[in-house]
């Protein structure tokens, strides 16, 4: 028996139908290099190792799970990267795809890691807490639309694929889950300074109920702040609107 470690946000996926569905969604995006994040008990790994012609690597922080995976999948023993996805260097040269039943306690940070690696990550299919999955894929004008929605959708096509019930896991989490896909679309908005863009978006949503001229007044000249766009709230702006603001910043 594998030990469940709550500190690592572990919930083991046990529903074979869900596992197969996730892998099939993954295979709809062609790839040759694949990184599985947090394989745990290998519920997805056993299906991933059957995909022909790919280089599969696993990143796992839990030594007990690494020992188990090394025995359960001996051919992958040398393909296991010990560590946190948040701390490791990029596991491949060139482009790769990511998959995972992501630990819910660091799932948002994992998404920001994907954004950091955006020029390498061609696609990602992953399981998240349902409300996080919905925020990532949310559209402007909705209650779920926020910082992560804008920063992801500036570079990726985000699609909410399907819900996953609590009973698909052992032990069942207290929340529903959702599977999403992110497909890299390049830099269509021609953002030339991601750090500056990120600061703008985070500041705009820091007072999401107020008109934009309140949180953003320090970023723009008074003449620019008179523009009608500053009478809106952050959740009303599209990615394109935020990029327009970026290009008008001091």
Protein backbone atom coordinates (compact mmCIF):
# COMPACT_ATOMS: atom_id res chain seq x y z
CA UNK A 1 0.00 0.00 0.00
CA UNK A 2 1.21 3.49 -0.84
CA UNK A 3 1.06 6.10 1.88
CA UNK A 4 -1.12 9.10 1.21
CA UNK A 5 0.66 12.34 2.09
CA UNK A 6 -1.73 15.22 2.63
CA UNK A 7 1.18 17.65 2.83
CA UNK A 8 1.82 16.92 -0.86
CA UNK A 9 -1.84 17.26 -1.82
CA UNK A 10 -2.03 13.60 -2.86
CA UNK A 11 -5.26 11.99 -4.07
CA UNK A 12 -4.77 8.84 -6.12
CA UNK A 13 -6.77 8.57 -9.33
CA UNK A 14 -8.41 5.14 -9.47
CA UNK A 15 -11.13 5.41 -12.14
CA UNK A 16 -9.81 3.65 -15.26
CA UNK A 17 -12.40 5.26 -17.51
CA UNK A 18 -11.19 8.72 -16.46
CA UNK A 19 -7.54 7.71 -16.91
CA UNK A 20 -8.17 6.49 -20.46
CA UNK A 21 -10.19 9.61 -21.29
CA UNK A 22 -7.39 11.90 -20.09
CA UNK A 23 -4.79 10.02 -22.14
CA UNK A 24 -7.00 10.10 -25.24
CA UNK A 25 -7.36 13.87 -24.87
CA UNK A 26 -3.58 14.09 -24.58
CA UNK A 27 -3.05 12.06 -27.74
CA UNK A 28 -5.15 14.49 -29.77
CA UNK A 29 -2.12 16.83 -29.60
CA UNK A 30 0.88 15.19 -31.38
CA UNK A 31 4.13 15.14 -29.37
CA UNK A 32 7.41 13.28 -29.08
CA UNK A 33 8.51 14.36 -25.59
CA UNK A 34 6.17 14.05 -22.60
CA UNK A 35 6.51 15.04 -18.95
CA UNK A 36 4.16 13.55 -16.37
CA UNK A 37 3.95 15.61 -13.20
CA UNK A 38 3.33 13.80 -9.91
CA UNK A 39 2.70 10.27 -11.23
CA UNK A 40 2.08 8.97 -7.69
CA UNK A 41 0.76 5.43 -7.98
CA UNK A 42 1.13 5.35 -11.76
CA UNK A 43 -2.58 5.43 -12.73
CA UNK A 44 -1.79 7.51 -15.82
CA UNK A 45 1.78 6.27 -16.23
CA UNK A 46 0.73 2.74 -17.13
CA UNK A 47 -1.19 4.14 -20.11
CA UNK A 48 1.44 6.72 -21.07
CA UNK A 49 4.23 4.12 -21.30
CA UNK A 50 2.23 2.35 -24.00
CA UNK A 51 2.30 5.35 -26.35
CA UNK A 52 4.78 4.44 -29.09
CA UNK A 53 7.70 6.57 -30.20
CA UNK A 54 7.81 9.07 -27.33
CA UNK A 55 10.37 10.06 -24.71
CA UNK A 56 8.47 9.93 -21.39
CA UNK A 57 9.84 11.46 -18.20
CA UNK A 58 8.24 11.54 -14.75
CA UNK A 59 8.84 14.21 -12.11
CA UNK A 60 8.05 13.10 -8.56
CA UNK A 61 9.07 14.59 -5.21
CA UNK A 62 7.95 11.72 -2.94
CA UNK A 63 10.75 9.18 -2.40
CA UNK A 64 8.27 6.41 -1.54
CA UNK A 65 6.44 6.92 -4.83
CA UNK A 66 9.75 7.02 -6.73
CA UNK A 67 10.71 3.65 -5.23
CA UNK A 68 7.30 2.23 -6.19
CA UNK A 69 7.42 3.61 -9.73
CA UNK A 70 10.93 2.22 -10.25
CA UNK A 71 9.66 -1.28 -9.45
CA UNK A 72 6.30 -0.97 -11.22
CA UNK A 73 7.80 0.53 -14.38
CA UNK A 74 11.40 -0.70 -14.56
CA UNK A 75 11.89 0.61 -18.12
CA UNK A 76 11.17 4.13 -16.82
CA UNK A 77 13.50 3.98 -13.83
CA UNK A 78 16.13 6.16 -15.50
CA UNK A 79 13.41 8.55 -16.71
CA UNK A 80 12.30 9.61 -13.21
CA UNK A 81 13.29 13.10 -12.15
CA UNK A 82 13.32 13.49 -8.37
CA UNK A 83 12.16 16.89 -7.21
CA UNK A 84 9.35 19.43 -7.38
CA UNK A 85 8.07 20.58 -10.76
CA UNK A 86 8.36 24.10 -9.33
CA UNK A 87 12.11 23.79 -8.76
CA UNK A 88 13.53 21.59 -11.52
CA UNK A 89 15.16 22.85 -14.70
CA UNK A 90 13.35 22.20 -17.95
CA UNK A 91 13.46 18.39 -18.35
CA UNK A 92 13.87 18.40 -22.13
CA UNK A 93 15.70 20.27 -24.83
CA UNK A 94 13.21 21.51 -27.37
CA UNK A 95 9.44 21.28 -27.21
CA UNK A 96 7.48 18.94 -24.95
CA UNK A 97 3.97 18.24 -23.65
CA UNK A 98 2.85 18.01 -20.01
CA UNK A 99 0.27 15.86 -18.29
CA UNK A 100 -0.69 15.33 -14.69
CA UNK A 101 -3.19 14.77 -11.96
CA UNK A 102 -1.73 17.86 -10.38
CA UNK A 103 -1.38 18.25 -6.59
CA UNK A 104 -4.13 20.72 -5.76
CA UNK A 105 -2.05 22.59 -3.19
CA UNK A 106 0.40 23.80 -5.87
CA UNK A 107 -1.74 23.57 -9.01
CA UNK A 108 -1.85 27.34 -9.62
CA UNK A 109 1.93 27.53 -9.25
CA UNK A 110 2.27 24.71 -11.78
CA UNK A 111 0.28 26.75 -14.29
CA UNK A 112 2.62 29.69 -13.78
CA UNK A 113 5.52 27.28 -14.40
CA UNK A 114 3.89 26.30 -17.70
CA UNK A 115 3.67 29.99 -18.60
CA UNK A 116 7.36 30.37 -17.71
CA UNK A 117 8.21 27.43 -20.01
CA UNK A 118 5.68 28.56 -22.65
CA UNK A 119 8.08 28.50 -25.59
CA UNK A 120 8.79 24.83 -24.87
CA UNK A 121 5.40 23.55 -23.70
CA UNK A 122 3.38 22.74 -26.81
CA UNK A 123 0.38 21.49 -24.86
CA UNK A 124 -0.73 20.46 -21.39
CA UNK A 125 -3.58 18.22 -20.28
CA UNK A 126 -4.18 18.22 -16.57
CA UNK A 127 -6.51 17.61 -13.66
CA UNK A 128 -7.22 20.50 -11.31
CA UNK A 129 -9.63 21.38 -8.57
CA UNK A 130 -12.77 22.30 -10.52
CA UNK A 131 -12.86 25.94 -9.45
CA UNK A 132 -9.20 26.42 -10.44
CA UNK A 133 -9.83 24.75 -13.80
CA UNK A 134 -12.79 27.06 -14.38
CA UNK A 135 -10.73 30.15 -13.51
CA UNK A 136 -7.98 29.19 -15.96
CA UNK A 137 -10.49 28.86 -18.81
CA UNK A 138 -12.85 31.71 -17.82
CA UNK A 139 -13.89 34.40 -20.27
CA UNK A 140 -14.06 38.17 -19.68
CA UNK A 141 -17.12 39.39 -17.84
CA UNK A 142 -17.56 36.24 -15.75
CA UNK A 143 -17.05 35.88 -12.00
CA UNK A 144 -14.27 33.31 -12.51
CA UNK A 145 -12.22 35.52 -14.84
CA UNK A 146 -9.07 36.79 -13.17
CA UNK A 147 -5.29 37.00 -13.15
CA UNK A 148 -4.62 33.41 -14.14
CA UNK A 149 -7.22 33.56 -16.93
CA UNK A 150 -5.51 36.53 -18.58
CA UNK A 151 -1.92 35.35 -18.15
CA UNK A 152 -2.66 31.86 -19.49
CA UNK A 153 -4.85 32.96 -22.38
CA UNK A 154 -2.26 35.48 -23.57
CA UNK A 155 -0.20 32.49 -24.77
CA UNK A 156 -2.44 29.39 -24.71
CA UNK A 157 -5.82 28.26 -25.96
CA UNK A 158 -7.48 27.07 -22.72
CA UNK A 159 -10.29 24.51 -22.95
CA UNK A 160 -12.34 23.01 -20.12
CA UNK A 161 -12.74 19.36 -21.12
CA UNK A 162 -14.81 17.56 -18.48
CA UNK A 163 -15.72 17.23 -14.80
CA UNK A 164 -14.35 14.47 -12.58
CA UNK A 165 -16.34 13.30 -9.57
CA UNK A 166 -14.83 12.87 -6.13
CA UNK A 167 -15.41 9.10 -6.29
CA UNK A 168 -12.76 8.79 -9.04
CA UNK A 169 -10.08 9.20 -6.36
CA UNK A 170 -8.75 7.36 -3.34
CA UNK A 171 -9.33 8.95 -0.92
CA UNK A 172 -12.08 11.14 -2.38
CA UNK A 173 -11.17 14.84 -2.17
CA UNK A 174 -13.70 17.25 -0.68
CA UNK A 175 -14.00 19.10 -3.98
CA UNK A 176 -14.92 18.25 -7.55
CA UNK A 177 -12.20 18.20 -10.18
CA UNK A 178 -11.93 19.24 -13.79
CA UNK A 179 -9.65 18.32 -16.68
CA UNK A 180 -8.43 21.08 -18.99
CA UNK A 181 -6.10 21.45 -21.93
CA UNK A 182 -3.75 24.28 -22.77
CA UNK A 183 -2.39 24.53 -26.31
CA UNK A 184 0.39 27.00 -27.00
CA UNK A 185 -0.55 29.65 -29.57
CA UNK A 186 2.71 31.60 -29.49
CA UNK A 187 2.69 35.30 -28.68
CA UNK A 188 -0.20 36.55 -30.83
CA UNK A 189 -0.54 39.81 -28.88
CA UNK A 190 3.18 40.58 -29.27
CA UNK A 191 3.81 41.05 -25.56
CA UNK A 192 7.44 42.14 -25.36
CA UNK A 193 7.77 42.26 -21.57
CA UNK A 194 5.95 39.43 -19.75
CA UNK A 195 7.04 40.56 -16.29
CA UNK A 196 5.61 44.04 -16.86
CA UNK A 197 2.42 42.54 -18.31
CA UNK A 198 2.07 40.26 -15.29
CA UNK A 199 2.46 43.18 -12.85
CA UNK A 200 -0.17 45.16 -14.76
CA UNK A 201 -2.71 42.33 -14.69
CA UNK A 202 -2.13 41.46 -11.03
CA UNK A 203 -2.44 45.11 -9.99
CA UNK A 204 -5.62 45.58 -12.02
CA UNK A 205 -7.28 42.63 -10.29
CA UNK A 206 -6.06 43.66 -6.83
CA UNK A 207 -9.15 45.88 -6.57
CA UNK A 208 -11.40 44.01 -8.96
CA UNK A 209 -14.61 45.74 -7.84
CA UNK A 210 -13.25 49.21 -8.52
CA UNK A 211 -12.76 51.11 -11.75
CA UNK A 212 -9.32 50.52 -13.24
CA UNK A 213 -8.14 54.09 -12.71
CA UNK A 214 -7.99 53.36 -8.96
CA UNK A 215 -5.51 50.46 -8.85
CA UNK A 216 -3.65 51.55 -12.01
CA UNK A 217 -3.27 55.29 -11.40
CA UNK A 218 0.45 54.96 -10.66
CA UNK A 219 1.13 53.24 -13.99
CA UNK A 220 -0.20 55.87 -16.40
CA UNK A 221 -0.04 59.61 -17.07
CA UNK A 222 -3.14 61.61 -16.15
CA UNK A 223 -3.98 62.21 -19.79
CA UNK A 224 -4.06 58.47 -20.44
CA UNK A 225 -6.17 57.82 -17.32
CA UNK A 226 -8.95 59.93 -18.84
CA UNK A 227 -9.56 57.20 -21.44
CA UNK A 228 -12.93 55.46 -21.11
CA UNK A 229 -11.29 52.06 -20.59
CA UNK A 230 -10.28 53.14 -17.06
CA UNK A 231 -13.96 53.41 -16.06
CA UNK A 232 -14.21 49.63 -16.45
CA UNK A 233 -13.35 46.92 -13.94
CA UNK A 234 -10.54 44.44 -14.54
CA UNK A 235 -12.89 41.51 -15.18
CA UNK A 236 -14.44 43.40 -18.13
CA UNK A 237 -11.17 43.58 -20.07
CA UNK A 238 -10.05 41.02 -22.64
CA UNK A 239 -6.43 39.92 -23.02
CA UNK A 240 -6.21 42.27 -25.98
CA UNK A 241 -7.44 45.16 -23.79
CA UNK A 242 -4.73 44.47 -21.22
CA UNK A 243 -2.08 44.40 -23.94
CA UNK A 244 -3.39 47.74 -25.20
CA UNK A 245 -2.91 49.13 -21.67
CA UNK A 246 0.56 47.60 -21.47
CA UNK A 247 1.65 49.57 -24.50
CA UNK A 248 0.42 52.83 -22.91
CA UNK A 249 2.19 52.36 -19.55
CA UNK A 250 4.84 54.79 -18.33
